[in-house]
Amino acid sequence: MSPRQISGHLRHQGLWISASSAYRVLKARGWVIPQGLREAPWKASHYEPFRPNQIWGEDWTLLNIAGMRHYLLTIIDYFSRYIVAWGIVPSVTHREVQGLVALAYMNERVENQDPKPLLRTDRGSPNLGGGTKKLIRDLEMILSLGRADRPTDNGRQERWYRSIKQEEIYLYPTYPSREVARASLAGYIDFYNERRPHQALWNYTPGFVHRLGNKSRLLQQLKFQVQMVKEQRLRTNRMGFQNQIPEVPN
C-alpha cells in the first residue's frame, strides 16, 4: 500500500498518523516502492496495422432519401482511413454486405496479397449470414467480430461516420433522389479521401497515406517539410531585419 493508504487504514483504527509521517517512516527503512498506474487494457491496441489493406472496417449508417430510409455502406482502411468501397442501398442484407466486400476486394486488387485483409465488423445479422462468411472464407480473408454494444471495437469506422454526418449528411433534411444522394456523397468521399487533412495522419490526406503505404516514410517527409519551412522562415526574417536597419550617413 502507499503511505496515504496506510495513513487512512491506521486512522480507521484510531491511530492518527499523517500520510507524510507514514512516508517518512517507510522511506527511512527503504520501503517506499514506486507505484505506477496500470494502463487500461482497452488502450492497448490489438488492431494497429502497419501497412494499407491489412485491416478493413465495415459498417453502415442511415440516410434519408426522398423521405424513405436508405443506408450508406462503407469499408474503411484502418491504416490510412481511406474509404476503399461504398454504396447506397434501401436495405442491408447479407447480399449487400457481400457485394461491398467484393467491391473493396476488386478496387484494392488484393487477390495476390498474402495475407488478405482482416475485416472488422459488428455482430449485425448481415455480417453473420452464412453467405457472408462463405464469401470471406473463399476470398481468404478473416472475419473479426466486435463485441456486442461496443462501437469502439470498430472505432475508426465510427469516427468516419461522425465526419460524414456532420459535414455532409446532416446538412440536408433529405436527399431529393437517389441520384442526387449518390452524386453528393461521392463528392464528399472524394473530398475526404483526397483533399481533407486528417488530424490522425499528421494532417495528410487518407489517399496520400494509402498510396505511400509507410508511416515511417510519412514521418520523414513531415520532418523534412517542417525543417524546410523553418529555414525559409529564418531567411525571410533575416531579410526583413536587414531591410529595417537604417542607413548610417558617412
C-alpha atoms as a PDB file:
ATOM      1  CA  MET A   1       0.000   0.000   0.000  1.00  0.00           C
ATOM      2  CA  SER A   2       1.017   3.607  -0.478  1.00  0.00           C
ATOM      3  CA  PRO A   3       1.747   5.888   2.519  1.00  0.00           C
ATOM      4  CA  ARG A   4      -1.628   7.578   2.010  1.00  0.00           C
ATOM      5  CA  GLN A   5      -3.436   4.250   2.145  1.00  0.00           C
ATOM      6  CA  ILE A   6      -1.547   3.199   5.265  1.00  0.00           C
ATOM      7  CA  SER A   7      -2.412   6.519   6.910  1.00  0.00           C
ATOM      8  CA  GLY A   8      -6.081   6.026   6.068  1.00  0.00           C
ATOM      9  CA  HIS A   9      -6.209   2.472   7.427  1.00  0.00           C
ATOM     10  CA  LEU A  10      -4.474   3.497  10.648  1.00  0.00           C
ATOM     11  CA  ARG A  11      -6.932   6.380  11.163  1.00  0.00           C
ATOM     12  CA  HIS A  12      -9.834   3.947  10.981  1.00  0.00           C
ATOM     13  CA  GLN A  13      -8.141   2.084  13.826  1.00  0.00           C
ATOM     14  CA  GLY A  14      -7.858   5.265  15.902  1.00  0.00           C
ATOM     15  CA  LEU A  15      -4.169   5.886  15.133  1.00  0.00           C
ATOM     16  CA  TRP A  16      -3.963   9.384  13.656  1.00  0.00           C
ATOM     17  CA  ILE A  17      -0.796   9.373  11.590  1.00  0.00           C
ATOM     18  CA  SER A  18      -0.423  11.711   8.629  1.00  0.00           C
ATOM     19  CA  ALA A  19       0.480  10.469   5.168  1.00  0.00           C
ATOM     20  CA  SER A  20       3.735  12.456   5.303  1.00  0.00           C
ATOM     21  CA  SER A  21       4.709  10.786   8.599  1.00  0.00           C
ATOM     22  CA  ALA A  22       3.950   7.368   7.129  1.00  0.00           C
ATOM     23  CA  TYR A  23       6.096   8.231   4.120  1.00  0.00           C
ATOM     24  CA  ARG A  24       8.985   9.409   6.320  1.00  0.00           C
ATOM     25  CA  VAL A  25       8.976   6.215   8.368  1.00  0.00           C
ATOM     26  CA  LEU A  26       8.783   3.965   5.313  1.00  0.00           C
ATOM     27  CA  LYS A  27      11.487   5.888   3.427  1.00  0.00           C
ATOM     28  CA  ALA A  28      13.911   5.621   6.369  1.00  0.00           C
ATOM     29  CA  ARG A  29      13.600   1.843   6.134  1.00  0.00           C
ATOM     30  CA  GLY A  30      13.820   1.744   2.341  1.00  0.00           C
ATOM     31  CA  TRP A  31      10.246   0.520   2.000  1.00  0.00           C
ATOM     32  CA  VAL A  32       8.976   3.159  -0.425  1.00  0.00           C
ATOM     33  CA  ILE A  33       8.393   1.499  -3.796  1.00  0.00           C
ATOM     34  CA  PRO A  34       7.387   3.499  -6.901  1.00  0.00           C
ATOM     35  CA  GLN A  35       3.865   2.508  -7.881  1.00  0.00           C
ATOM     36  CA  GLY A  36       2.994   3.295 -11.477  1.00  0.00           C
ATOM     37  CA  LEU A  37      -0.599   3.338 -12.623  1.00  0.00           C
ATOM     38  CA  ARG A  38      -1.788   0.354 -14.620  1.00  0.00           C
ATOM     39  CA  GLU A  39      -2.787   1.183 -18.167  1.00  0.00           C
ATOM     40  CA  ALA A  40      -6.382   0.476 -19.116  1.00  0.00           C
ATOM     41  CA  PRO A  41      -6.453  -2.827 -21.062  1.00  0.00           C
ATOM     42  CA  TRP A  42      -8.587  -1.307 -23.828  1.00  0.00           C
ATOM     43  CA  LYS A  43      -5.886   1.279 -24.538  1.00  0.00           C
ATOM     44  CA  ALA A  44      -3.511  -1.398 -25.749  1.00  0.00           C
ATOM     45  CA  SER A  45      -4.456  -1.681 -29.393  1.00  0.00           C
ATOM     46  CA  HIS A  46      -4.726  -5.179 -30.843  1.00  0.00           C
ATOM     47  CA  TYR A  47      -5.668  -3.817 -34.256  1.00  0.00           C
ATOM     48  CA  GLU A  48      -2.919  -1.411 -35.254  1.00  0.00           C
ATOM     49  CA  PRO A  49      -1.891  -2.058 -38.879  1.00  0.00           C
ATOM     50  CA  PHE A  50       1.471  -1.057 -40.305  1.00  0.00           C
ATOM     51  CA  ARG A  51       0.508  -1.021 -43.999  1.00  0.00           C
ATOM     52  CA  PRO A  52      -2.579  -0.486 -46.193  1.00  0.00           C
ATOM     53  CA  ASN A  53      -5.130  -3.247 -46.795  1.00  0.00           C
ATOM     54  CA  GLN A  54      -4.172  -5.112 -43.658  1.00  0.00           C
ATOM     55  CA  ILE A  55      -7.328  -4.353 -41.656  1.00  0.00           C
ATOM     56  CA  TRP A  56     -10.632  -3.076 -43.015  1.00  0.00           C
ATOM     57  CA  GLY A  57     -13.633  -1.820 -41.048  1.00  0.00           C
ATOM     58  CA  GLU A  58     -17.160  -2.328 -42.435  1.00  0.00           C
ATOM     59  CA  ASP A  59     -20.446  -0.796 -41.290  1.00  0.00           C
ATOM     60  CA  TRP A  60     -23.493   1.123 -42.480  1.00  0.00           C
ATOM     61  CA  THR A  61     -25.404   4.223 -41.403  1.00  0.00           C
ATOM     62  CA  LEU A  62     -28.858   5.655 -42.043  1.00  0.00           C
ATOM     63  CA  LEU A  63     -29.747   8.008 -44.907  1.00  0.00           C
ATOM     64  CA  ASN A  64     -32.979   9.814 -45.753  1.00  0.00           C
ATOM     65  CA  ILE A  65     -33.674   9.911 -49.493  1.00  0.00           C
ATOM     66  CA  ALA A  66     -36.980  11.411 -50.683  1.00  0.00           C
ATOM     67  CA  GLY A  67     -38.463  10.688 -47.253  1.00  0.00           C
ATOM     68  CA  MET A  68     -37.504   7.000 -47.462  1.00  0.00           C
ATOM     69  CA  ARG A  69     -34.969   5.124 -45.389  1.00  0.00           C
ATOM     70  CA  HIS A  70     -31.735   4.146 -47.121  1.00  0.00           C
ATOM     71  CA  TYR A  71     -28.298   3.131 -45.912  1.00  0.00           C
ATOM     72  CA  LEU A  72     -24.748   4.133 -46.714  1.00  0.00           C
ATOM     73  CA  LEU A  73     -22.391   1.146 -46.589  1.00  0.00           C
ATOM     74  CA  THR A  74     -18.654   1.737 -46.404  1.00  0.00           C
ATOM     75  CA  ILE A  75     -15.388  -0.112 -45.906  1.00  0.00           C
ATOM     76  CA  ILE A  76     -12.512   1.924 -44.473  1.00  0.00           C
ATOM     77  CA  ASP A  77      -8.846   1.001 -44.382  1.00  0.00           C
ATOM     78  CA  TYR A  78      -7.607   1.082 -40.786  1.00  0.00           C
ATOM     79  CA  PHE A  79      -4.072   2.118 -41.746  1.00  0.00           C
ATOM     80  CA  SER A  80      -4.858   5.150 -43.878  1.00  0.00           C
ATOM     81  CA  ARG A  81      -8.559   5.900 -43.084  1.00  0.00           C
ATOM     82  CA  TYR A  82      -9.106   5.628 -46.841  1.00  0.00           C
ATOM     83  CA  ILE A  83     -12.627   4.651 -47.997  1.00  0.00           C
ATOM     84  CA  VAL A  84     -11.927   1.656 -50.225  1.00  0.00           C
ATOM     85  CA  ALA A  85     -15.566   0.880 -51.134  1.00  0.00           C
ATOM     86  CA  TRP A  86     -19.040   2.313 -50.555  1.00  0.00           C
ATOM     87  CA  GLY A  87     -22.611   2.023 -51.731  1.00  0.00           C
ATOM     88  CA  ILE A  88     -26.192   3.223 -51.139  1.00  0.00           C
ATOM     89  CA  VAL A  89     -28.922   0.607 -50.619  1.00  0.00           C
ATOM     90  CA  PRO A  90     -32.576   0.669 -49.478  1.00  0.00           C
ATOM     91  CA  SER A  91     -31.954  -2.212 -47.053  1.00  0.00           C
ATOM     92  CA  VAL A  92     -28.973  -4.087 -45.664  1.00  0.00           C
ATOM     93  CA  THR A  93     -28.880  -7.862 -46.029  1.00  0.00           C
ATOM     94  CA  HIS A  94     -26.088 -10.353 -46.482  1.00  0.00           C
ATOM     95  CA  ARG A  95     -26.234  -9.728 -50.254  1.00  0.00           C
ATOM     96  CA  GLU A  96     -25.391  -6.031 -49.896  1.00  0.00           C
ATOM     97  CA  VAL A  97     -22.554  -6.798 -47.487  1.00  0.00           C
ATOM     98  CA  GLN A  98     -21.149  -9.422 -49.832  1.00  0.00           C
ATOM     99  CA  GLY A  99     -21.311  -7.019 -52.757  1.00  0.00           C
ATOM    100  CA  LEU A 100     -19.481  -4.349 -50.760  1.00  0.00           C
ATOM    101  CA  VAL A 101     -16.732  -6.757 -49.681  1.00  0.00           C
ATOM    102  CA  ALA A 102     -16.287  -7.986 -53.267  1.00  0.00           C
ATOM    103  CA  LEU A 103     -16.115  -4.372 -54.500  1.00  0.00           C
ATOM    104  CA  ALA A 104     -13.406  -3.471 -51.971  1.00  0.00           C
ATOM    105  CA  TYR A 105     -11.502  -6.636 -52.876  1.00  0.00           C
ATOM    106  CA  MET A 106     -11.509  -5.709 -56.570  1.00  0.00           C
ATOM    107  CA  ASN A 107     -10.859  -1.999 -56.021  1.00  0.00           C
ATOM    108  CA  GLU A 108      -7.723  -2.672 -53.986  1.00  0.00           C
ATOM    109  CA  ARG A 109      -6.565  -5.667 -56.076  1.00  0.00           C
ATOM    110  CA  VAL A 110      -5.588  -7.744 -53.071  1.00  0.00           C
ATOM    111  CA  GLU A 111      -6.003 -11.124 -54.784  1.00  0.00           C
ATOM    112  CA  ASN A 112      -2.215 -11.611 -54.812  1.00  0.00           C
ATOM    113  CA  GLN A 113      -1.667 -10.175 -51.345  1.00  0.00           C
ATOM    114  CA  ASP A 114      -0.714 -12.549 -48.540  1.00  0.00           C
ATOM    115  CA  PRO A 115      -2.213 -12.427 -46.012  1.00  0.00           C
ATOM    116  CA  LYS A 116      -5.512 -10.974 -47.158  1.00  0.00           C
ATOM    117  CA  PRO A 117      -7.224  -8.156 -45.208  1.00  0.00           C
ATOM    118  CA  LEU A 118      -8.898  -8.779 -41.873  1.00  0.00           C
ATOM    119  CA  LEU A 119     -12.483  -7.474 -41.910  1.00  0.00           C
ATOM    120  CA  ARG A 120     -13.622  -5.825 -38.674  1.00  0.00           C
ATOM    121  CA  THR A 121     -17.429  -5.700 -38.274  1.00  0.00           C
ATOM    122  CA  ASP A 122     -20.157  -5.618 -35.670  1.00  0.00           C
ATOM    123  CA  ARG A 123     -22.468  -8.542 -34.921  1.00  0.00           C
ATOM    124  CA  GLY A 124     -25.293  -7.462 -37.209  1.00  0.00           C
ATOM    125  CA  SER A 125     -27.129 -10.317 -38.896  1.00  0.00           C
ATOM    126  CA  PRO A 126     -25.936  -9.357 -42.438  1.00  0.00           C
ATOM    127  CA  ASN A 127     -22.353  -9.847 -41.219  1.00  0.00           C
ATOM    128  CA  LEU A 128     -23.150 -13.195 -39.593  1.00  0.00           C
ATOM    129  CA  GLY A 129     -25.017 -14.707 -42.543  1.00  0.00           C
ATOM    130  CA  GLY A 130     -23.732 -17.961 -43.959  1.00  0.00           C
ATOM    131  CA  GLY A 131     -23.254 -16.424 -47.400  1.00  0.00           C
ATOM    132  CA  THR A 132     -21.140 -13.590 -45.971  1.00  0.00           C
ATOM    133  CA  LYS A 133     -18.935 -15.956 -44.003  1.00  0.00           C
ATOM    134  CA  LYS A 134     -18.515 -18.225 -47.010  1.00  0.00           C
ATOM    135  CA  LEU A 135     -17.500 -15.328 -49.260  1.00  0.00           C
ATOM    136  CA  ILE A 136     -14.932 -14.128 -46.731  1.00  0.00           C
ATOM    137  CA  ARG A 137     -13.517 -17.657 -46.485  1.00  0.00           C
ATOM    138  CA  ASP A 138     -13.429 -18.004 -50.276  1.00  0.00           C
ATOM    139  CA  LEU A 139     -11.534 -14.711 -50.528  1.00  0.00           C
ATOM    140  CA  GLU A 140      -9.102 -15.990 -47.870  1.00  0.00           C
ATOM    141  CA  MET A 141      -9.959 -13.060 -45.617  1.00  0.00           C
ATOM    142  CA  ILE A 142     -10.565 -13.169 -41.859  1.00  0.00           C
ATOM    143  CA  LEU A 143     -13.828 -12.017 -40.248  1.00  0.00           C
ATOM    144  CA  SER A 144     -13.217 -10.244 -36.931  1.00  0.00           C
ATOM    145  CA  LEU A 145     -16.403  -9.557 -34.966  1.00  0.00           C
ATOM    146  CA  GLY A 146     -16.583  -6.828 -32.360  1.00  0.00           C
ATOM    147  CA  ARG A 147     -18.281  -7.290 -29.010  1.00  0.00           C
ATOM    148  CA  ALA A 148     -21.977  -6.642 -28.601  1.00  0.00           C
ATOM    149  CA  ASP A 149     -22.833  -2.987 -27.840  1.00  0.00           C
ATOM    150  CA  ARG A 150     -19.197  -1.921 -28.189  1.00  0.00           C
ATOM    151  CA  PRO A 151     -18.960   0.591 -31.076  1.00  0.00           C
ATOM    152  CA  THR A 152     -15.382   1.376 -30.034  1.00  0.00           C
ATOM    153  CA  ASP A 153     -14.381  -2.073 -31.314  1.00  0.00           C
ATOM    154  CA  ASN A 154     -14.766  -0.577 -34.800  1.00  0.00           C
ATOM    155  CA  GLY A 155     -13.787   2.913 -33.726  1.00  0.00           C
ATOM    156  CA  ARG A 156     -12.204   4.173 -36.936  1.00  0.00           C
ATOM    157  CA  GLN A 157     -15.298   3.316 -38.908  1.00  0.00           C
ATOM    158  CA  GLU A 158     -17.487   5.074 -36.328  1.00  0.00           C
ATOM    159  CA  ARG A 159     -15.231   8.137 -36.377  1.00  0.00           C
ATOM    160  CA  TRP A 160     -15.517   8.306 -40.177  1.00  0.00           C
ATOM    161  CA  TYR A 161     -19.303   8.261 -39.893  1.00  0.00           C
ATOM    162  CA  ARG A 162     -19.183  11.150 -37.456  1.00  0.00           C
ATOM    163  CA  SER A 163     -17.259  13.191 -40.037  1.00  0.00           C
ATOM    164  CA  ILE A 164     -19.553  12.453 -42.969  1.00  0.00           C
ATOM    165  CA  LYS A 165     -22.675  13.025 -40.877  1.00  0.00           C
ATOM    166  CA  GLN A 166     -21.543  16.375 -39.518  1.00  0.00           C
ATOM    167  CA  GLU A 167     -20.029  17.645 -42.766  1.00  0.00           C
ATOM    168  CA  GLU A 168     -22.402  16.152 -45.353  1.00  0.00           C
ATOM    169  CA  ILE A 169     -25.439  14.057 -44.349  1.00  0.00           C
ATOM    170  CA  TYR A 170     -26.842  16.321 -41.621  1.00  0.00           C
ATOM    171  CA  LEU A 171     -26.685  19.336 -43.945  1.00  0.00           C
ATOM    172  CA  TYR A 172     -29.782  18.060 -45.762  1.00  0.00           C
ATOM    173  CA  PRO A 173     -33.168  17.206 -44.177  1.00  0.00           C
ATOM    174  CA  THR A 174     -33.486  14.682 -47.006  1.00  0.00           C
ATOM    175  CA  TYR A 175     -31.817  13.983 -50.321  1.00  0.00           C
ATOM    176  CA  PRO A 176     -34.381  14.601 -53.109  1.00  0.00           C
ATOM    177  CA  SER A 177     -33.441  11.465 -55.046  1.00  0.00           C
ATOM    178  CA  ARG A 178     -31.065   8.550 -55.010  1.00  0.00           C
ATOM    179  CA  GLU A 179     -29.127  10.034 -57.919  1.00  0.00           C
ATOM    180  CA  VAL A 180     -28.609  13.306 -56.061  1.00  0.00           C
ATOM    181  CA  ALA A 181     -27.593  11.431 -52.910  1.00  0.00           C
ATOM    182  CA  ARG A 182     -25.077   9.323 -54.825  1.00  0.00           C
ATOM    183  CA  ALA A 183     -23.554  12.368 -56.540  1.00  0.00           C
ATOM    184  CA  SER A 184     -23.379  14.382 -53.307  1.00  0.00           C
ATOM    185  CA  LEU A 185     -21.921  11.537 -51.235  1.00  0.00           C
ATOM    186  CA  ALA A 186     -19.453  10.650 -53.993  1.00  0.00           C
ATOM    187  CA  GLY A 187     -18.221  14.240 -53.973  1.00  0.00           C
ATOM    188  CA  TYR A 188     -17.752  14.221 -50.210  1.00  0.00           C
ATOM    189  CA  ILE A 189     -15.996  10.832 -50.167  1.00  0.00           C
ATOM    190  CA  ASP A 190     -13.591  12.039 -52.847  1.00  0.00           C
ATOM    191  CA  PHE A 191     -13.002  15.198 -50.804  1.00  0.00           C
ATOM    192  CA  TYR A 192     -12.440  13.117 -47.643  1.00  0.00           C
ATOM    193  CA  ASN A 193     -10.036  10.726 -49.355  1.00  0.00           C
ATOM    194  CA  GLU A 194      -8.013  13.193 -51.404  1.00  0.00           C
ATOM    195  CA  ARG A 195      -8.316  16.745 -50.070  1.00  0.00           C
ATOM    196  CA  ARG A 196      -9.434  16.767 -46.440  1.00  0.00           C
ATOM    197  CA  PRO A 197      -6.493  16.894 -43.950  1.00  0.00           C
ATOM    198  CA  HIS A 198      -6.794  14.176 -41.309  1.00  0.00           C
ATOM    199  CA  GLN A 199      -5.541  15.014 -37.829  1.00  0.00           C
ATOM    200  CA  ALA A 200      -4.672  11.373 -37.032  1.00  0.00           C
ATOM    201  CA  LEU A 201      -2.473  11.322 -40.158  1.00  0.00           C
ATOM    202  CA  TRP A 202      -0.471  14.451 -39.233  1.00  0.00           C
ATOM    203  CA  ASN A 203      -2.791  16.463 -41.494  1.00  0.00           C
ATOM    204  CA  TYR A 204      -2.019  14.423 -44.591  1.00  0.00           C
ATOM    205  CA  THR A 205      -4.955  13.071 -46.585  1.00  0.00           C
ATOM    206  CA  PRO A 206      -6.059   9.418 -46.416  1.00  0.00           C
ATOM    207  CA  GLY A 207      -5.411   8.983 -50.127  1.00  0.00           C
ATOM    208  CA  PHE A 208      -1.816  10.211 -49.841  1.00  0.00           C
ATOM    209  CA  VAL A 209      -1.116   7.935 -46.856  1.00  0.00           C
ATOM    210  CA  HIS A 210      -2.821   4.991 -48.546  1.00  0.00           C
ATOM    211  CA  ARG A 211      -0.637   5.294 -51.626  1.00  0.00           C
ATOM    212  CA  LEU A 212       2.553   5.990 -49.667  1.00  0.00           C
ATOM    213  CA  GLY A 213       1.893   2.921 -47.524  1.00  0.00           C
ATOM    214  CA  ASN A 214       4.570   3.557 -44.912  1.00  0.00           C
ATOM    215  CA  LYS A 215       4.232   5.791 -41.864  1.00  0.00           C
ATOM    216  CA  SER A 216       7.975   5.879 -41.230  1.00  0.00           C
ATOM    217  CA  ARG A 217       8.465   7.459 -44.652  1.00  0.00           C
ATOM    218  CA  LEU A 218       5.498   9.718 -43.886  1.00  0.00           C
ATOM    219  CA  LEU A 219       7.140  10.996 -40.690  1.00  0.00           C
ATOM    220  CA  GLN A 220      10.442  11.507 -42.515  1.00  0.00           C
ATOM    221  CA  GLN A 221       8.653  13.609 -45.106  1.00  0.00           C
ATOM    222  CA  LEU A 222       6.866  15.576 -42.382  1.00  0.00           C
ATOM    223  CA  LYS A 223      10.165  16.329 -40.607  1.00  0.00           C
ATOM    224  CA  PHE A 224      11.748  17.350 -43.903  1.00  0.00           C
ATOM    225  CA  GLN A 225       8.874  19.710 -44.695  1.00  0.00           C
ATOM    226  CA  VAL A 226       8.956  21.233 -41.200  1.00  0.00           C
ATOM    227  CA  GLN A 227      12.704  21.806 -41.494  1.00  0.00           C
ATOM    228  CA  MET A 228      12.293  23.425 -44.910  1.00  0.00           C
ATOM    229  CA  VAL A 229       9.631  25.791 -43.562  1.00  0.00           C
ATOM    230  CA  LYS A 230      11.844  26.722 -40.593  1.00  0.00           C
ATOM    231  CA  GLU A 231      14.765  27.528 -42.863  1.00  0.00           C
ATOM    232  CA  GLN A 232      12.540  29.542 -45.181  1.00  0.00           C
ATOM    233  CA  ARG A 233      11.160  31.487 -42.224  1.00  0.00           C
ATOM    234  CA  LEU A 234      14.663  32.214 -40.931  1.00  0.00           C
ATOM    235  CA  ARG A 235      15.716  33.528 -44.352  1.00  0.00           C
ATOM    236  CA  THR A 236      12.592  35.696 -44.546  1.00  0.00           C
ATOM    237  CA  ASN A 237      13.164  37.064 -41.040  1.00  0.00           C
ATOM    238  CA  ARG A 238      16.803  37.876 -41.831  1.00  0.00           C
ATOM    239  CA  MET A 239      15.813  39.723 -44.992  1.00  0.00           C
ATOM    240  CA  GLY A 240      13.151  41.658 -43.113  1.00  0.00           C
ATOM    241  CA  PHE A 241      15.617  42.562 -40.353  1.00  0.00           C
ATOM    242  CA  GLN A 242      18.211  43.771 -42.854  1.00  0.00           C
ATOM    243  CA  ASN A 243      15.612  45.921 -44.614  1.00  0.00           C
ATOM    244  CA  GLN A 244      14.709  47.557 -41.312  1.00  0.00           C
ATOM    245  CA  ILE A 245      18.312  48.590 -40.454  1.00  0.00           C
ATOM    246  CA  PRO A 246      18.606  52.374 -41.052  1.00  0.00           C
ATOM    247  CA  GLU A 247      21.402  53.588 -43.254  1.00  0.00           C
ATOM    248  CA  VAL A 248      24.124  55.491 -41.423  1.00  0.00           C
ATOM    249  CA  PRO A 249      25.424  58.534 -43.359  1.00  0.00           C
ATOM    250  CA  ASN A 250      29.186  58.814 -43.878  1.00  0.00           C
END
